[in-house]
Amino acid sequence: MSRLICYCFGYTEEELQEDVLRHGRSLIMERIVSEKKDGHCRCAEKNPAGR
């Protein structure tokens, strides 16, 4: 089982690696950054470590 990287959007480490291999960069990470800029990050509530 792959480690969960993003609690807000449910992305795993494996998905991020596959995304980079497929696109040459991480479109997933770009989405996460964009969503965070728009205030849609809920990591503090969803991540058990609070990050």
PDB file of N, CA and C in Angstrom:
ATOM      1  N   MET A   1       0.846  -1.186   0.000  1.00  0.00           N
ATOM      2  CA  MET A   1       0.000   0.000   0.000  1.00  0.00           C
ATOM      3  C   MET A   1       0.882   1.237   0.000  1.00  0.00           C
ATOM      4  N   SER A   2       0.570   2.157  -0.865  1.00  0.00           N
ATOM      5  CA  SER A   2       1.356   3.381  -1.002  1.00  0.00           C
ATOM      6  C   SER A   2       0.983   4.379   0.096  1.00  0.00           C
ATOM      7  N   ARG A   3       1.967   5.123   0.524  1.00  0.00           N
ATOM      8  CA  ARG A   3       1.785   6.111   1.596  1.00  0.00           C
ATOM      9  C   ARG A   3       0.963   7.295   1.090  1.00  0.00           C
ATOM     10  N   LEU A   4       0.006   7.735   1.890  1.00  0.00           N
ATOM     11  CA  LEU A   4      -0.816   8.887   1.560  1.00  0.00           C
ATOM     12  C   LEU A   4       0.012  10.155   1.725  1.00  0.00           C
ATOM     13  N   ILE A   5       0.071  10.961   0.685  1.00  0.00           N
ATOM     14  CA  ILE A   5       0.862  12.190   0.681  1.00  0.00           C
ATOM     15  C   ILE A   5      -0.034  13.399   0.942  1.00  0.00           C
ATOM     16  N   CYS A   6      -1.196  13.418   0.343  1.00  0.00           N
ATOM     17  CA  CYS A   6      -2.100  14.558   0.458  1.00  0.00           C
ATOM     18  C   CYS A   6      -3.431  14.109   1.064  1.00  0.00           C
ATOM     19  N   TYR A   7      -3.654  14.498   2.287  1.00  0.00           N
ATOM     20  CA  TYR A   7      -4.895  14.128   2.964  1.00  0.00           C
ATOM     21  C   TYR A   7      -6.088  14.910   2.428  1.00  0.00           C
ATOM     22  N   CYS A   8      -5.856  16.104   1.948  1.00  0.00           N
ATOM     23  CA  CYS A   8      -6.951  16.913   1.413  1.00  0.00           C
ATOM     24  C   CYS A   8      -7.591  16.269   0.185  1.00  0.00           C
ATOM     25  N   PHE A   9      -6.748  15.810  -0.728  1.00  0.00           N
ATOM     26  CA  PHE A   9      -7.233  15.311  -2.007  1.00  0.00           C
ATOM     27  C   PHE A   9      -7.009  13.815  -2.200  1.00  0.00           C
ATOM     28  N   GLY A  10      -6.401  13.156  -1.218  1.00  0.00           N
ATOM     29  CA  GLY A  10      -6.262  11.698  -1.225  1.00  0.00           C
ATOM     30  C   GLY A  10      -5.199  11.129  -2.147  1.00  0.00           C
ATOM     31  N   TYR A  11      -4.189  11.898  -2.499  1.00  0.00           N
ATOM     32  CA  TYR A  11      -3.140  11.397  -3.387  1.00  0.00           C
ATOM     33  C   TYR A  11      -2.091  10.618  -2.609  1.00  0.00           C
ATOM     34  N   THR A  12      -1.603   9.559  -3.255  1.00  0.00           N
ATOM     35  CA  THR A  12      -0.577   8.726  -2.642  1.00  0.00           C
ATOM     36  C   THR A  12       0.783   9.013  -3.268  1.00  0.00           C
ATOM     37  N   GLU A  13       1.817   8.558  -2.594  1.00  0.00           N
ATOM     38  CA  GLU A  13       3.185   8.705  -3.092  1.00  0.00           C
ATOM     39  C   GLU A  13       3.316   8.034  -4.466  1.00  0.00           C
ATOM     40  N   GLU A  14       2.720   6.872  -4.608  1.00  0.00           N
ATOM     41  CA  GLU A  14       2.769   6.139  -5.881  1.00  0.00           C
ATOM     42  C   GLU A  14       2.114   6.933  -7.007  1.00  0.00           C
ATOM     43  N   GLU A  15       0.980   7.556  -6.737  1.00  0.00           N
ATOM     44  CA  GLU A  15       0.294   8.352  -7.759  1.00  0.00           C
ATOM     45  C   GLU A  15       1.141   9.537  -8.204  1.00  0.00           C
ATOM     46  N   LEU A  16       1.808  10.200  -7.271  1.00  0.00           N
ATOM     47  CA  LEU A  16       2.675  11.317  -7.625  1.00  0.00           C
ATOM     48  C   LEU A  16       3.839  10.851  -8.486  1.00  0.00           C
ATOM     49  N   GLN A  17       4.447   9.725  -8.141  1.00  0.00           N
ATOM     50  CA  GLN A  17       5.558   9.191  -8.927  1.00  0.00           C
ATOM     51  C   GLN A  17       5.101   8.831 -10.336  1.00  0.00           C
ATOM     52  N   GLU A  18       3.962   8.184 -10.455  1.00  0.00           N
ATOM     53  CA  GLU A  18       3.420   7.816 -11.771  1.00  0.00           C
ATOM     54  C   GLU A  18       3.098   9.051 -12.601  1.00  0.00           C
ATOM     55  N   ASP A  19       2.584  10.085 -11.950  1.00  0.00           N
ATOM     56  CA  ASP A  19       2.249  11.336 -12.617  1.00  0.00           C
ATOM     57  C   ASP A  19       3.499  11.972 -13.227  1.00  0.00           C
ATOM     58  N   VAL A  20       4.595  11.991 -12.471  1.00  0.00           N
ATOM     59  CA  VAL A  20       5.850  12.557 -12.971  1.00  0.00           C
ATOM     60  C   VAL A  20       6.364  11.735 -14.150  1.00  0.00           C
ATOM     61  N   LEU A  21       6.305  10.424 -14.047  1.00  0.00           N
ATOM     62  CA  LEU A  21       6.761   9.582 -15.145  1.00  0.00           C
ATOM     63  C   LEU A  21       5.914   9.784 -16.401  1.00  0.00           C
ATOM     64  N   ARG A  22       4.634   9.945 -16.218  1.00  0.00           N
ATOM     65  CA  ARG A  22       3.713  10.095 -17.343  1.00  0.00           C
ATOM     66  C   ARG A  22       3.827  11.459 -18.016  1.00  0.00           C
ATOM     67  N   HIS A  23       3.997  12.528 -17.213  1.00  0.00           N
ATOM     68  CA  HIS A  23       3.930  13.886 -17.753  1.00  0.00           C
ATOM     69  C   HIS A  23       5.256  14.646 -17.732  1.00  0.00           C
ATOM     70  N   GLY A  24       6.268  14.079 -17.117  1.00  0.00           N
ATOM     71  CA  GLY A  24       7.541  14.770 -17.016  1.00  0.00           C
ATOM     72  C   GLY A  24       7.582  15.791 -15.888  1.00  0.00           C
ATOM     73  N   ARG A  25       6.463  15.974 -15.242  1.00  0.00           N
ATOM     74  CA  ARG A  25       6.323  16.833 -14.060  1.00  0.00           C
ATOM     75  C   ARG A  25       5.059  16.366 -13.340  1.00  0.00           C
ATOM     76  N   SER A  26       4.829  16.867 -12.165  1.00  0.00           N
ATOM     77  CA  SER A  26       3.657  16.425 -11.415  1.00  0.00           C
ATOM     78  C   SER A  26       2.485  17.382 -11.603  1.00  0.00           C
ATOM     79  N   LEU A  27       1.536  16.975 -12.416  1.00  0.00           N
ATOM     80  CA  LEU A  27       0.306  17.752 -12.563  1.00  0.00           C
ATOM     81  C   LEU A  27      -0.512  17.696 -11.278  1.00  0.00           C
ATOM     82  N   ILE A  28      -0.368  16.598 -10.556  1.00  0.00           N
ATOM     83  CA  ILE A  28      -1.052  16.466  -9.269  1.00  0.00           C
ATOM     84  C   ILE A  28      -0.543  17.533  -8.302  1.00  0.00           C
ATOM     85  N   MET A  29       0.775  17.689  -8.225  1.00  0.00           N
ATOM     86  CA  MET A  29       1.334  18.691  -7.319  1.00  0.00           C
ATOM     87  C   MET A  29       0.913  20.095  -7.737  1.00  0.00           C
ATOM     88  N   GLU A  30       0.855  20.343  -9.033  1.00  0.00           N
ATOM     89  CA  GLU A  30       0.388  21.643  -9.522  1.00  0.00           C
ATOM     90  C   GLU A  30      -1.053  21.891  -9.075  1.00  0.00           C
ATOM     91  N   ARG A  31      -1.888  20.856  -9.136  1.00  0.00           N
ATOM     92  CA  ARG A  31      -3.282  20.994  -8.689  1.00  0.00           C
ATOM     93  C   ARG A  31      -3.333  21.292  -7.190  1.00  0.00           C
ATOM     94  N   ILE A  32      -2.526  20.571  -6.411  1.00  0.00           N
ATOM     95  CA  ILE A  32      -2.508  20.774  -4.960  1.00  0.00           C
ATOM     96  C   ILE A  32      -2.105  22.210  -4.630  1.00  0.00           C
ATOM     97  N   VAL A  33      -1.047  22.697  -5.267  1.00  0.00           N
ATOM     98  CA  VAL A  33      -0.573  24.068  -5.023  1.00  0.00           C
ATOM     99  C   VAL A  33      -1.652  25.075  -5.396  1.00  0.00           C
ATOM    100  N   SER A  34      -2.296  24.871  -6.534  1.00  0.00           N
ATOM    101  CA  SER A  34      -3.354  25.780  -6.976  1.00  0.00           C
ATOM    102  C   SER A  34      -4.533  25.787  -5.999  1.00  0.00           C
ATOM    103  N   GLU A  35      -4.952  24.608  -5.570  1.00  0.00           N
ATOM    104  CA  GLU A  35      -6.068  24.506  -4.627  1.00  0.00           C
ATOM    105  C   GLU A  35      -5.725  25.173  -3.292  1.00  0.00           C
ATOM    106  N   LYS A  36      -4.481  25.005  -2.842  1.00  0.00           N
ATOM    107  CA  LYS A  36      -4.060  25.633  -1.587  1.00  0.00           C
ATOM    108  C   LYS A  36      -4.093  27.153  -1.710  1.00  0.00           C
ATOM    109  N   LYS A  37      -3.631  27.676  -2.859  1.00  0.00           N
ATOM    110  CA  LYS A  37      -3.652  29.126  -3.095  1.00  0.00           C
ATOM    111  C   LYS A  37      -5.078  29.658  -3.074  1.00  0.00           C
ATOM    112  N   ASP A  38      -6.027  28.839  -3.541  1.00  0.00           N
ATOM    113  CA  ASP A  38      -7.432  29.243  -3.576  1.00  0.00           C
ATOM    114  C   ASP A  38      -8.148  29.011  -2.242  1.00  0.00           C
ATOM    115  N   GLY A  39      -7.390  28.545  -1.241  1.00  0.00           N
ATOM    116  CA  GLY A  39      -7.967  28.356   0.088  1.00  0.00           C
ATOM    117  C   GLY A  39      -8.718  27.062   0.295  1.00  0.00           C
ATOM    118  N   HIS A  40      -8.471  26.076  -0.549  1.00  0.00           N
ATOM    119  CA  HIS A  40      -9.187  24.806  -0.454  1.00  0.00           C
ATOM    120  C   HIS A  40      -8.405  23.720   0.265  1.00  0.00           C
ATOM    121  N   CYS A  41      -7.432  24.093   1.049  1.00  0.00           N
ATOM    122  CA  CYS A  41      -6.620  23.128   1.785  1.00  0.00           C
ATOM    123  C   CYS A  41      -7.245  22.882   3.156  1.00  0.00           C
ATOM    124  N   ARG A  42      -7.431  21.608   3.488  1.00  0.00           N
ATOM    125  CA  ARG A  42      -7.983  21.244   4.792  1.00  0.00           C
ATOM    126  C   ARG A  42      -7.056  20.264   5.513  1.00  0.00           C
ATOM    127  N   CYS A  43      -5.772  20.391   5.230  1.00  0.00           N
ATOM    128  CA  CYS A  43      -4.792  19.473   5.830  1.00  0.00           C
ATOM    129  C   CYS A  43      -4.862  19.477   7.357  1.00  0.00           C
ATOM    130  N   ALA A  44      -5.015  20.631   7.939  1.00  0.00           N
ATOM    131  CA  ALA A  44      -5.034  20.720   9.405  1.00  0.00           C
ATOM    132  C   ALA A  44      -6.146  19.870   9.998  1.00  0.00           C
ATOM    133  N   GLU A  45      -7.278  19.735   9.284  1.00  0.00           N
ATOM    134  CA  GLU A  45      -8.387  18.934   9.793  1.00  0.00           C
ATOM    135  C   GLU A  45      -8.274  17.456   9.399  1.00  0.00           C
ATOM    136  N   LYS A  46      -7.762  17.184   8.185  1.00  0.00           N
ATOM    137  CA  LYS A  46      -7.755  15.822   7.662  1.00  0.00           C
ATOM    138  C   LYS A  46      -6.509  15.022   7.986  1.00  0.00           C
ATOM    139  N   ASN A  47      -5.367  15.681   8.158  1.00  0.00           N
ATOM    140  CA  ASN A  47      -4.123  14.986   8.429  1.00  0.00           C
ATOM    141  C   ASN A  47      -4.024  14.702   9.922  1.00  0.00           C
ATOM    142  N   PRO A  48      -3.847  13.446  10.309  1.00  0.00           N
ATOM    143  CA  PRO A  48      -3.761  13.113  11.721  1.00  0.00           C
ATOM    144  C   PRO A  48      -2.607  13.835  12.445  1.00  0.00           C
ATOM    145  N   ALA A  49      -1.558  14.206  11.690  1.00  0.00           N
ATOM    146  CA  ALA A  49      -0.434  14.936  12.280  1.00  0.00           C
ATOM    147  C   ALA A  49      -0.682  16.430  12.302  1.00  0.00           C
ATOM    148  N   GLY A  50      -1.770  16.879  11.661  1.00  0.00           N
ATOM    149  CA  GLY A  50      -2.124  18.301  11.657  1.00  0.00           C
ATOM    150  C   GLY A  50      -1.296  19.147  10.722  1.00  0.00           C
ATOM    151  N   ARG A  51      -0.711  18.548   9.659  1.00  0.00           N
ATOM    152  CA  ARG A  51       0.102  19.312   8.695  1.00  0.00           C
ATOM    153  C   ARG A  51      -0.466  19.195   7.309  1.00  0.00           C
TER     154      ARG A  51
END
